[in-house]
């Protein structure tokens, strides 16, 4: 049996068409910035496209800033002469470090750093280079350690776990880098590991159940109650939909945070039920039966958006 918070007594109403006034541009609580590092050999636009749905879902509270790597061919870290001859210099990625330093100085402070593929390897190294608390969270997708660069790895090993930064590691089980991502995760203290049984070497698609966990991770750290992001996720899921998607998985959220969420949900006319044992949140519709414990619709819909800005 589930220890349940909440009960099916409030009718689900459509979410507001615009964020609360406190979230409008120019409001006292500014959006939190996330520095985004693209994959090696890929243009900035490629990562922007992968992040677009996430940026749209979190547009009220987060801004994603995209930066280009410092080496030709859109690389963050230039390749060694061969895998058998790793680089040894601690300055092997200095051109990329200089770019990141400038963006952080000119456009910061940044709440988080997000890296994909080689961008994740660079993000891990950059965390070892900067002062602790430069970033509050790290989001790493298809991550790996730059093991063919001994100078960079020395810094990573010396500085891990990077001031105990809160970290999310996304691993696609169909990604050939999955094993390397597990190794990278070990450099952090109690990282949140989000696995997808369907994803390959890419960020989770909005149709992937793991996508909602990435949103929940950032939403649980947001100064705005997570309910606002849940509204966005469930915006396009209609009452009594024939879909039988999984409910929203909230194992990255504490019971205290869920209780606060429930109170906020009531004020927004959203009826939610949380099962402590299963660590899952369910939406209850007035016309849906027993959604609180045995069912409910997890939104995989959402609005695409391009979101974010380029760092230059």
C-alpha atoms as a PDB file:
ATOM      1  CA  UNK A   1       0.000   0.000   0.000  1.00  0.00           C
ATOM      2  CA  UNK A   2       1.115   3.507  -0.729  1.00  0.00           C
ATOM      3  CA  UNK A   3       1.495   6.236   1.865  1.00  0.00           C
ATOM      4  CA  UNK A   4      -0.281   8.953  -0.091  1.00  0.00           C
ATOM      5  CA  UNK A   5      -0.182  12.714   0.112  1.00  0.00           C
ATOM      6  CA  UNK A   6      -3.198  14.394  -1.444  1.00  0.00           C
ATOM      7  CA  UNK A   7      -6.637  13.228  -2.410  1.00  0.00           C
ATOM      8  CA  UNK A   8      -8.767  13.443  -5.594  1.00  0.00           C
ATOM      9  CA  UNK A   9     -10.942  16.381  -4.597  1.00  0.00           C
ATOM     10  CA  UNK A  10      -9.925  19.186  -6.959  1.00  0.00           C
ATOM     11  CA  UNK A  11     -10.871  19.418 -10.609  1.00  0.00           C
ATOM     12  CA  UNK A  12      -8.001  19.820 -13.066  1.00  0.00           C
ATOM     13  CA  UNK A  13      -8.155  23.171 -14.826  1.00  0.00           C
ATOM     14  CA  UNK A  14      -6.060  24.344 -17.792  1.00  0.00           C
ATOM     15  CA  UNK A  15      -2.755  25.985 -16.873  1.00  0.00           C
ATOM     16  CA  UNK A  16      -2.395  29.746 -17.200  1.00  0.00           C
ATOM     17  CA  UNK A  17      -1.412  31.017 -20.635  1.00  0.00           C
ATOM     18  CA  UNK A  18       1.448  33.069 -19.181  1.00  0.00           C
ATOM     19  CA  UNK A  19       3.703  32.680 -16.147  1.00  0.00           C
ATOM     20  CA  UNK A  20       2.870  34.454 -12.900  1.00  0.00           C
ATOM     21  CA  UNK A  21       3.785  38.137 -12.763  1.00  0.00           C
ATOM     22  CA  UNK A  22       6.721  37.307 -10.516  1.00  0.00           C
ATOM     23  CA  UNK A  23       8.246  35.371 -13.435  1.00  0.00           C
ATOM     24  CA  UNK A  24       7.794  38.006 -16.110  1.00  0.00           C
ATOM     25  CA  UNK A  25      10.925  39.597 -17.612  1.00  0.00           C
ATOM     26  CA  UNK A  26      12.302  42.264 -15.345  1.00  0.00           C
ATOM     27  CA  UNK A  27      10.829  40.691 -12.209  1.00  0.00           C
ATOM     28  CA  UNK A  28      12.833  40.503  -8.997  1.00  0.00           C
ATOM     29  CA  UNK A  29      13.653  36.786  -9.331  1.00  0.00           C
ATOM     30  CA  UNK A  30      15.703  36.491 -12.529  1.00  0.00           C
ATOM     31  CA  UNK A  31      15.871  33.273 -14.501  1.00  0.00           C
ATOM     32  CA  UNK A  32      18.748  30.973 -13.662  1.00  0.00           C
ATOM     33  CA  UNK A  33      21.355  30.583 -16.388  1.00  0.00           C
ATOM     34  CA  UNK A  34      22.723  27.256 -17.583  1.00  0.00           C
ATOM     35  CA  UNK A  35      25.942  27.184 -19.622  1.00  0.00           C
ATOM     36  CA  UNK A  36      25.594  24.631 -22.433  1.00  0.00           C
ATOM     37  CA  UNK A  37      28.524  22.835 -24.086  1.00  0.00           C
ATOM     38  CA  UNK A  38      27.853  21.066 -27.400  1.00  0.00           C
ATOM     39  CA  UNK A  39      29.249  17.746 -28.570  1.00  0.00           C
ATOM     40  CA  UNK A  40      32.647  17.536 -30.204  1.00  0.00           C
ATOM     41  CA  UNK A  41      32.595  18.187 -33.956  1.00  0.00           C
ATOM     42  CA  UNK A  42      29.000  19.433 -33.841  1.00  0.00           C
ATOM     43  CA  UNK A  43      27.707  22.981 -34.324  1.00  0.00           C
ATOM     44  CA  UNK A  44      26.094  24.888 -31.492  1.00  0.00           C
ATOM     45  CA  UNK A  45      22.762  24.620 -33.304  1.00  0.00           C
ATOM     46  CA  UNK A  46      22.784  20.836 -32.890  1.00  0.00           C
ATOM     47  CA  UNK A  47      22.743  21.008 -29.092  1.00  0.00           C
ATOM     48  CA  UNK A  48      20.309  23.921 -29.151  1.00  0.00           C
ATOM     49  CA  UNK A  49      17.907  21.724 -31.064  1.00  0.00           C
ATOM     50  CA  UNK A  50      18.267  18.883 -28.546  1.00  0.00           C
ATOM     51  CA  UNK A  51      17.703  21.252 -25.618  1.00  0.00           C
ATOM     52  CA  UNK A  52      14.784  23.124 -27.236  1.00  0.00           C
ATOM     53  CA  UNK A  53      11.956  21.238 -25.516  1.00  0.00           C
ATOM     54  CA  UNK A  54      13.681  21.417 -22.149  1.00  0.00           C
ATOM     55  CA  UNK A  55      14.269  25.147 -22.630  1.00  0.00           C
ATOM     56  CA  UNK A  56      10.604  25.648 -23.501  1.00  0.00           C
ATOM     57  CA  UNK A  57       9.334  23.677 -20.508  1.00  0.00           C
ATOM     58  CA  UNK A  58      11.580  25.628 -18.142  1.00  0.00           C
ATOM     59  CA  UNK A  59      11.496  29.016 -19.873  1.00  0.00           C
ATOM     60  CA  UNK A  60       9.871  30.703 -16.869  1.00  0.00           C
ATOM     61  CA  UNK A  61      12.786  29.932 -14.579  1.00  0.00           C
ATOM     62  CA  UNK A  62      15.824  29.021 -16.702  1.00  0.00           C
ATOM     63  CA  UNK A  63      17.838  30.509 -19.544  1.00  0.00           C
ATOM     64  CA  UNK A  64      20.161  28.282 -21.571  1.00  0.00           C
ATOM     65  CA  UNK A  65      23.318  29.900 -22.962  1.00  0.00           C
ATOM     66  CA  UNK A  66      25.137  28.013 -25.713  1.00  0.00           C
ATOM     67  CA  UNK A  67      28.878  28.335 -26.254  1.00  0.00           C
ATOM     68  CA  UNK A  68      31.164  27.131 -29.048  1.00  0.00           C
ATOM     69  CA  UNK A  69      34.314  25.121 -28.353  1.00  0.00           C
ATOM     70  CA  UNK A  70      37.687  26.795 -28.676  1.00  0.00           C
ATOM     71  CA  UNK A  71      39.278  24.564 -31.310  1.00  0.00           C
ATOM     72  CA  UNK A  72      38.792  24.105 -35.036  1.00  0.00           C
ATOM     73  CA  UNK A  73      36.205  21.559 -36.030  1.00  0.00           C
ATOM     74  CA  UNK A  74      33.982  22.634 -33.108  1.00  0.00           C
ATOM     75  CA  UNK A  75      36.088  20.769 -30.572  1.00  0.00           C
ATOM     76  CA  UNK A  76      36.417  21.508 -26.880  1.00  0.00           C
ATOM     77  CA  UNK A  77      39.481  19.309 -26.491  1.00  0.00           C
ATOM     78  CA  UNK A  78      41.810  18.666 -29.443  1.00  0.00           C
ATOM     79  CA  UNK A  79      42.534  15.019 -30.111  1.00  0.00           C
ATOM     80  CA  UNK A  80      45.844  13.495 -28.999  1.00  0.00           C
ATOM     81  CA  UNK A  81      48.189  12.258 -31.676  1.00  0.00           C
ATOM     82  CA  UNK A  82      46.832   8.762 -30.985  1.00  0.00           C
ATOM     83  CA  UNK A  83      45.064   6.822 -28.245  1.00  0.00           C
ATOM     84  CA  UNK A  84      48.368   5.122 -27.580  1.00  0.00           C
ATOM     85  CA  UNK A  85      50.023   8.542 -27.113  1.00  0.00           C
ATOM     86  CA  UNK A  86      47.800  10.543 -24.727  1.00  0.00           C
ATOM     87  CA  UNK A  87      48.387  14.226 -24.151  1.00  0.00           C
ATOM     88  CA  UNK A  88      50.059  15.160 -20.888  1.00  0.00           C
ATOM     89  CA  UNK A  89      49.766  18.931 -20.659  1.00  0.00           C
ATOM     90  CA  UNK A  90      47.342  20.369 -18.062  1.00  0.00           C
ATOM     91  CA  UNK A  91      46.767  23.205 -20.557  1.00  0.00           C
ATOM     92  CA  UNK A  92      45.657  20.950 -23.410  1.00  0.00           C
ATOM     93  CA  UNK A  93      42.166  22.565 -23.478  1.00  0.00           C
ATOM     94  CA  UNK A  94      43.322  26.109 -22.613  1.00  0.00           C
ATOM     95  CA  UNK A  95      41.624  27.781 -25.596  1.00  0.00           C
ATOM     96  CA  UNK A  96      38.244  26.392 -24.537  1.00  0.00           C
ATOM     97  CA  UNK A  97      38.888  27.301 -20.912  1.00  0.00           C
ATOM     98  CA  UNK A  98      39.587  30.902 -21.928  1.00  0.00           C
ATOM     99  CA  UNK A  99      36.274  31.081 -23.790  1.00  0.00           C
ATOM    100  CA  UNK A 100      34.332  29.650 -20.862  1.00  0.00           C
ATOM    101  CA  UNK A 101      36.094  31.968 -18.413  1.00  0.00           C
ATOM    102  CA  UNK A 102      35.125  34.962 -20.521  1.00  0.00           C
ATOM    103  CA  UNK A 103      31.485  33.904 -20.852  1.00  0.00           C
ATOM    104  CA  UNK A 104      31.195  33.235 -17.114  1.00  0.00           C
ATOM    105  CA  UNK A 105      32.756  36.623 -16.319  1.00  0.00           C
ATOM    106  CA  UNK A 106      30.674  38.583 -18.832  1.00  0.00           C
ATOM    107  CA  UNK A 107      27.329  36.770 -18.663  1.00  0.00           C
ATOM    108  CA  UNK A 108      27.377  35.137 -15.240  1.00  0.00           C
ATOM    109  CA  UNK A 109      26.593  34.170 -12.657  1.00  0.00           C
ATOM    110  CA  UNK A 110      25.579  30.766 -13.991  1.00  0.00           C
ATOM    111  CA  UNK A 111      23.454  28.431 -11.922  1.00  0.00           C
ATOM    112  CA  UNK A 112      24.352  25.302 -13.887  1.00  0.00           C
ATOM    113  CA  UNK A 113      26.583  23.792 -16.524  1.00  0.00           C
ATOM    114  CA  UNK A 114      25.236  21.339 -19.124  1.00  0.00           C
ATOM    115  CA  UNK A 115      27.453  19.199 -21.306  1.00  0.00           C
ATOM    116  CA  UNK A 116      26.752  16.695 -24.049  1.00  0.00           C
ATOM    117  CA  UNK A 117      29.292  14.087 -25.212  1.00  0.00           C
ATOM    118  CA  UNK A 118      32.671  15.855 -25.520  1.00  0.00           C
ATOM    119  CA  UNK A 119      30.950  18.901 -24.034  1.00  0.00           C
ATOM    120  CA  UNK A 120      30.275  16.776 -20.949  1.00  0.00           C
ATOM    121  CA  UNK A 121      33.940  15.751 -20.773  1.00  0.00           C
ATOM    122  CA  UNK A 122      34.878  19.425 -21.002  1.00  0.00           C
ATOM    123  CA  UNK A 123      32.288  20.358 -18.374  1.00  0.00           C
ATOM    124  CA  UNK A 124      33.783  17.832 -15.955  1.00  0.00           C
ATOM    125  CA  UNK A 125      37.266  19.216 -16.550  1.00  0.00           C
ATOM    126  CA  UNK A 126      36.037  22.801 -16.206  1.00  0.00           C
ATOM    127  CA  UNK A 127      34.453  21.926 -12.850  1.00  0.00           C
ATOM    128  CA  UNK A 128      37.902  20.810 -11.708  1.00  0.00           C
ATOM    129  CA  UNK A 129      39.382  24.105 -12.918  1.00  0.00           C
ATOM    130  CA  UNK A 130      36.978  26.676 -11.470  1.00  0.00           C
ATOM    131  CA  UNK A 131      36.344  27.492  -7.850  1.00  0.00           C
ATOM    132  CA  UNK A 132      33.731  25.350  -6.054  1.00  0.00           C
ATOM    133  CA  UNK A 133      30.242  26.889  -6.148  1.00  0.00           C
ATOM    134  CA  UNK A 134      30.903  28.538  -9.523  1.00  0.00           C
ATOM    135  CA  UNK A 135      27.996  26.323 -10.600  1.00  0.00           C
ATOM    136  CA  UNK A 136      25.284  24.868  -8.377  1.00  0.00           C
ATOM    137  CA  UNK A 137      24.276  21.978 -10.647  1.00  0.00           C
ATOM    138  CA  UNK A 138      25.804  19.934 -13.462  1.00  0.00           C
ATOM    139  CA  UNK A 139      23.781  18.161 -16.146  1.00  0.00           C
ATOM    140  CA  UNK A 140      25.792  15.668 -18.173  1.00  0.00           C
ATOM    141  CA  UNK A 141      24.426  13.734 -21.141  1.00  0.00           C
ATOM    142  CA  UNK A 142      26.310  10.885 -22.868  1.00  0.00           C
ATOM    143  CA  UNK A 143      29.251  11.818 -20.674  1.00  0.00           C
ATOM    144  CA  UNK A 144      32.728  10.392 -20.530  1.00  0.00           C
ATOM    145  CA  UNK A 145      36.059  11.281 -18.969  1.00  0.00           C
ATOM    146  CA  UNK A 146      38.902  12.642 -21.155  1.00  0.00           C
ATOM    147  CA  UNK A 147      41.095   9.647 -20.338  1.00  0.00           C
ATOM    148  CA  UNK A 148      43.388  10.195 -23.341  1.00  0.00           C
ATOM    149  CA  UNK A 149      44.443  13.520 -21.811  1.00  0.00           C
ATOM    150  CA  UNK A 150      46.479  12.753 -18.696  1.00  0.00           C
ATOM    151  CA  UNK A 151      47.001  16.380 -17.701  1.00  0.00           C
ATOM    152  CA  UNK A 152      43.257  17.034 -17.698  1.00  0.00           C
ATOM    153  CA  UNK A 153      42.552  13.804 -15.837  1.00  0.00           C
ATOM    154  CA  UNK A 154      45.056  14.719 -13.119  1.00  0.00           C
ATOM    155  CA  UNK A 155      43.061  17.881 -12.405  1.00  0.00           C
ATOM    156  CA  UNK A 156      39.759  15.962 -12.459  1.00  0.00           C
ATOM    157  CA  UNK A 157      41.044  13.298 -10.072  1.00  0.00           C
ATOM    158  CA  UNK A 158      42.510  15.890  -7.723  1.00  0.00           C
ATOM    159  CA  UNK A 159      39.376  18.063  -7.553  1.00  0.00           C
ATOM    160  CA  UNK A 160      36.626  15.405  -7.647  1.00  0.00           C
ATOM    161  CA  UNK A 161      33.859  15.616  -6.350  1.00  0.00           C
ATOM    162  CA  UNK A 162      34.016  19.309  -7.254  1.00  0.00           C
ATOM    163  CA  UNK A 163      32.668  20.792  -4.053  1.00  0.00           C
ATOM    164  CA  UNK A 164      29.912  18.138  -3.912  1.00  0.00           C
ATOM    165  CA  UNK A 165      28.053  19.827  -6.749  1.00  0.00           C
ATOM    166  CA  UNK A 166      24.562  18.457  -7.379  1.00  0.00           C
ATOM    167  CA  UNK A 167      24.810  16.420 -10.590  1.00  0.00           C
ATOM    168  CA  UNK A 168      22.509  14.633 -13.021  1.00  0.00           C
ATOM    169  CA  UNK A 169      23.999  12.030 -15.346  1.00  0.00           C
ATOM    170  CA  UNK A 170      21.811  10.895 -18.245  1.00  0.00           C
ATOM    171  CA  UNK A 171      22.626   7.480 -19.704  1.00  0.00           C
ATOM    172  CA  UNK A 172      20.990   6.010 -22.776  1.00  0.00           C
ATOM    173  CA  UNK A 173      21.198   2.232 -22.646  1.00  0.00           C
ATOM    174  CA  UNK A 174      21.603   2.144 -26.440  1.00  0.00           C
ATOM    175  CA  UNK A 175      24.517   4.571 -26.265  1.00  0.00           C
ATOM    176  CA  UNK A 176      27.933   3.032 -26.890  1.00  0.00           C
ATOM    177  CA  UNK A 177      29.224   5.531 -24.306  1.00  0.00           C
ATOM    178  CA  UNK A 178      26.928   4.157 -21.557  1.00  0.00           C
ATOM    179  CA  UNK A 179      29.701   2.350 -19.693  1.00  0.00           C
ATOM    180  CA  UNK A 180      31.922   5.425 -19.830  1.00  0.00           C
ATOM    181  CA  UNK A 181      29.064   7.531 -18.452  1.00  0.00           C
ATOM    182  CA  UNK A 182      28.863   5.237 -15.431  1.00  0.00           C
ATOM    183  CA  UNK A 183      32.573   5.813 -14.808  1.00  0.00           C
ATOM    184  CA  UNK A 184      32.119   9.585 -15.152  1.00  0.00           C
ATOM    185  CA  UNK A 185      29.246   9.517 -12.653  1.00  0.00           C
ATOM    186  CA  UNK A 186      31.590   8.084 -10.018  1.00  0.00           C
ATOM    187  CA  UNK A 187      33.449  11.406  -9.916  1.00  0.00           C
ATOM    188  CA  UNK A 188      30.436  13.039  -8.220  1.00  0.00           C
ATOM    189  CA  UNK A 189      28.933  12.698  -4.766  1.00  0.00           C
ATOM    190  CA  UNK A 190      25.571  10.878  -4.953  1.00  0.00           C
ATOM    191  CA  UNK A 191      24.779  11.877  -8.547  1.00  0.00           C
ATOM    192  CA  UNK A 192      21.238  11.481  -9.837  1.00  0.00           C
ATOM    193  CA  UNK A 193      21.539   8.922 -12.626  1.00  0.00           C
ATOM    194  CA  UNK A 194      18.700   8.976 -15.134  1.00  0.00           C
ATOM    195  CA  UNK A 195      18.625   5.966 -17.455  1.00  0.00           C
ATOM    196  CA  UNK A 196      16.641   5.520 -20.629  1.00  0.00           C
ATOM    197  CA  UNK A 197      16.008   2.109 -22.152  1.00  0.00           C
ATOM    198  CA  UNK A 198      15.413   3.639 -25.583  1.00  0.00           C
ATOM    199  CA  UNK A 199      17.916   6.507 -25.888  1.00  0.00           C
ATOM    200  CA  UNK A 200      21.163   6.321 -27.788  1.00  0.00           C
ATOM    201  CA  UNK A 201      23.844   8.989 -27.973  1.00  0.00           C
ATOM    202  CA  UNK A 202      21.544  11.959 -27.502  1.00  0.00           C
ATOM    203  CA  UNK A 203      19.529  13.861 -24.920  1.00  0.00           C
ATOM    204  CA  UNK A 204      16.175  12.298 -23.958  1.00  0.00           C
ATOM    205  CA  UNK A 205      13.358  13.006 -26.369  1.00  0.00           C
ATOM    206  CA  UNK A 206      10.208  14.573 -24.966  1.00  0.00           C
ATOM    207  CA  UNK A 207       8.423  11.259 -25.639  1.00  0.00           C
ATOM    208  CA  UNK A 208      10.927   9.405 -23.428  1.00  0.00           C
ATOM    209  CA  UNK A 209       9.635   8.824 -19.850  1.00  0.00           C
ATOM    210  CA  UNK A 210      13.087   9.812 -18.579  1.00  0.00           C
ATOM    211  CA  UNK A 211      12.594  13.324 -19.968  1.00  0.00           C
ATOM    212  CA  UNK A 212      10.259  14.260 -17.116  1.00  0.00           C
ATOM    213  CA  UNK A 213      12.936  13.280 -14.596  1.00  0.00           C
ATOM    214  CA  UNK A 214      15.364  15.778 -16.112  1.00  0.00           C
ATOM    215  CA  UNK A 215      12.685  18.471 -15.841  1.00  0.00           C
ATOM    216  CA  UNK A 216      11.961  17.418 -12.261  1.00  0.00           C
ATOM    217  CA  UNK A 217      15.652  17.610 -11.360  1.00  0.00           C
ATOM    218  CA  UNK A 218      15.880  21.233 -12.437  1.00  0.00           C
ATOM    219  CA  UNK A 219      12.421  22.098 -11.158  1.00  0.00           C
ATOM    220  CA  UNK A 220      13.188  20.770  -7.679  1.00  0.00           C
ATOM    221  CA  UNK A 221      16.124  23.211  -7.552  1.00  0.00           C
ATOM    222  CA  UNK A 222      14.083  26.116  -8.881  1.00  0.00           C
ATOM    223  CA  UNK A 223      13.068  29.121  -6.750  1.00  0.00           C
ATOM    224  CA  UNK A 224       9.624  28.705  -8.314  1.00  0.00           C
ATOM    225  CA  UNK A 225       7.507  25.731  -7.120  1.00  0.00           C
ATOM    226  CA  UNK A 226       7.843  22.710  -9.365  1.00  0.00           C
ATOM    227  CA  UNK A 227       4.115  22.822 -10.084  1.00  0.00           C
ATOM    228  CA  UNK A 228       4.721  25.430 -12.784  1.00  0.00           C
ATOM    229  CA  UNK A 229       6.886  23.013 -14.758  1.00  0.00           C
ATOM    230  CA  UNK A 230       4.406  20.191 -14.227  1.00  0.00           C
ATOM    231  CA  UNK A 231       1.699  22.402 -15.722  1.00  0.00           C
ATOM    232  CA  UNK A 232       3.824  22.697 -18.836  1.00  0.00           C
ATOM    233  CA  UNK A 233       4.415  18.948 -19.002  1.00  0.00           C
ATOM    234  CA  UNK A 234       0.741  18.117 -18.593  1.00  0.00           C
ATOM    235  CA  UNK A 235      -0.620  20.980 -20.674  1.00  0.00           C
ATOM    236  CA  UNK A 236      -1.368  18.852 -23.719  1.00  0.00           C
ATOM    237  CA  UNK A 237      -2.587  15.737 -21.932  1.00  0.00           C
ATOM    238  CA  UNK A 238      -6.373  15.784 -21.915  1.00  0.00           C
ATOM    239  CA  UNK A 239      -8.694  14.317 -19.296  1.00  0.00           C
ATOM    240  CA  UNK A 240      -9.516  10.648 -19.818  1.00  0.00           C
ATOM    241  CA  UNK A 241      -6.903  10.340 -22.535  1.00  0.00           C
ATOM    242  CA  UNK A 242      -6.624   6.851 -23.975  1.00  0.00           C
ATOM    243  CA  UNK A 243      -2.880   7.005 -23.410  1.00  0.00           C
ATOM    244  CA  UNK A 244      -1.474   4.838 -20.649  1.00  0.00           C
ATOM    245  CA  UNK A 245       1.855   6.533 -20.039  1.00  0.00           C
ATOM    246  CA  UNK A 246       3.797   6.162 -16.820  1.00  0.00           C
ATOM    247  CA  UNK A 247       3.156   8.743 -14.085  1.00  0.00           C
ATOM    248  CA  UNK A 248       5.753  11.390 -13.327  1.00  0.00           C
ATOM    249  CA  UNK A 249       8.737   9.835 -11.552  1.00  0.00           C
ATOM    250  CA  UNK A 250       9.916  12.078  -8.726  1.00  0.00           C
ATOM    251  CA  UNK A 251      12.631  10.100  -7.000  1.00  0.00           C
ATOM    252  CA  UNK A 252      14.911  13.139  -7.245  1.00  0.00           C
ATOM    253  CA  UNK A 253      12.508  15.164  -5.078  1.00  0.00           C
ATOM    254  CA  UNK A 254      12.250  15.021  -1.294  1.00  0.00           C
ATOM    255  CA  UNK A 255       8.975  14.465   0.552  1.00  0.00           C
ATOM    256  CA  UNK A 256       9.256  17.990   1.966  1.00  0.00           C
ATOM    257  CA  UNK A 257       9.461  19.396  -1.549  1.00  0.00           C
ATOM    258  CA  UNK A 258       6.498  17.295  -2.642  1.00  0.00           C
ATOM    259  CA  UNK A 259       4.441  18.549   0.300  1.00  0.00           C
ATOM    260  CA  UNK A 260       5.220  22.130  -0.723  1.00  0.00           C
ATOM    261  CA  UNK A 261       4.319  21.225  -4.287  1.00  0.00           C
ATOM    262  CA  UNK A 262       0.984  19.762  -3.199  1.00  0.00           C
ATOM    263  CA  UNK A 263       0.094  22.944  -1.330  1.00  0.00           C
ATOM    264  CA  UNK A 264       0.996  25.062  -4.331  1.00  0.00           C
ATOM    265  CA  UNK A 265      -0.924  22.748  -6.651  1.00  0.00           C
ATOM    266  CA  UNK A 266      -4.088  23.244  -4.598  1.00  0.00           C
ATOM    267  CA  UNK A 267      -3.808  27.006  -5.014  1.00  0.00           C
ATOM    268  CA  UNK A 268      -3.456  26.502  -8.776  1.00  0.00           C
ATOM    269  CA  UNK A 269      -6.466  24.159  -9.012  1.00  0.00           C
ATOM    270  CA  UNK A 270      -4.300  21.202  -9.975  1.00  0.00           C
ATOM    271  CA  UNK A 271      -5.086  17.947  -8.222  1.00  0.00           C
ATOM    272  CA  UNK A 272      -2.025  15.781  -7.641  1.00  0.00           C
ATOM    273  CA  UNK A 273      -1.483  12.610  -5.654  1.00  0.00           C
ATOM    274  CA  UNK A 274       1.967  11.507  -4.517  1.00  0.00           C
ATOM    275  CA  UNK A 275       2.866   7.964  -3.516  1.00  0.00           C
ATOM    276  CA  UNK A 276       5.833   8.008  -1.120  1.00  0.00           C
ATOM    277  CA  UNK A 277       6.695   4.346  -1.574  1.00  0.00           C
ATOM    278  CA  UNK A 278       6.720   4.445  -5.358  1.00  0.00           C
ATOM    279  CA  UNK A 279       8.083   8.020  -5.394  1.00  0.00           C
ATOM    280  CA  UNK A 280       5.711   8.927  -8.174  1.00  0.00           C
ATOM    281  CA  UNK A 281       3.351  11.790  -8.721  1.00  0.00           C
ATOM    282  CA  UNK A 282      -0.054  11.263 -10.315  1.00  0.00           C
ATOM    283  CA  UNK A 283      -2.469  13.726 -11.838  1.00  0.00           C
ATOM    284  CA  UNK A 284      -6.082  13.100 -10.837  1.00  0.00           C
ATOM    285  CA  UNK A 285      -8.818  14.154 -13.245  1.00  0.00           C
ATOM    286  CA  UNK A 286     -12.410  14.505 -12.145  1.00  0.00           C
ATOM    287  CA  UNK A 287     -13.458  11.930 -14.746  1.00  0.00           C
ATOM    288  CA  UNK A 288     -10.551   9.493 -14.414  1.00  0.00           C
ATOM    289  CA  UNK A 289     -10.887   6.537 -12.084  1.00  0.00           C
ATOM    290  CA  UNK A 290      -8.363   5.826  -9.304  1.00  0.00           C
ATOM    291  CA  UNK A 291      -5.607   7.896 -10.901  1.00  0.00           C
ATOM    292  CA  UNK A 292      -4.172   8.645  -7.483  1.00  0.00           C
ATOM    293  CA  UNK A 293      -2.674   5.193  -6.967  1.00  0.00           C
ATOM    294  CA  UNK A 294      -3.022   2.957  -9.990  1.00  0.00           C
ATOM    295  CA  UNK A 295      -2.973   5.189 -13.015  1.00  0.00           C
ATOM    296  CA  UNK A 296      -2.731   8.703 -14.344  1.00  0.00           C
ATOM    297  CA  UNK A 297      -1.324  10.312 -17.448  1.00  0.00           C
ATOM    298  CA  UNK A 298       2.276  11.420 -17.542  1.00  0.00           C
ATOM    299  CA  UNK A 299       2.617  14.060 -20.141  1.00  0.00           C
ATOM    300  CA  UNK A 300       5.082  13.384 -22.876  1.00  0.00           C
ATOM    301  CA  UNK A 301       3.725  16.323 -24.736  1.00  0.00           C
ATOM    302  CA  UNK A 302       4.975  19.838 -24.453  1.00  0.00           C
ATOM    303  CA  UNK A 303       5.744  22.784 -26.603  1.00  0.00           C
ATOM    304  CA  UNK A 304       8.872  22.885 -28.688  1.00  0.00           C
ATOM    305  CA  UNK A 305      10.850  26.055 -28.532  1.00  0.00           C
ATOM    306  CA  UNK A 306      14.219  27.230 -29.577  1.00  0.00           C
ATOM    307  CA  UNK A 307      14.997  28.924 -26.235  1.00  0.00           C
ATOM    308  CA  UNK A 308      18.391  30.050 -25.141  1.00  0.00           C
ATOM    309  CA  UNK A 309      21.065  32.342 -26.473  1.00  0.00           C
ATOM    310  CA  UNK A 310      24.498  31.946 -27.961  1.00  0.00           C
ATOM    311  CA  UNK A 311      27.577  32.836 -25.981  1.00  0.00           C
ATOM    312  CA  UNK A 312      30.116  34.574 -28.129  1.00  0.00           C
END
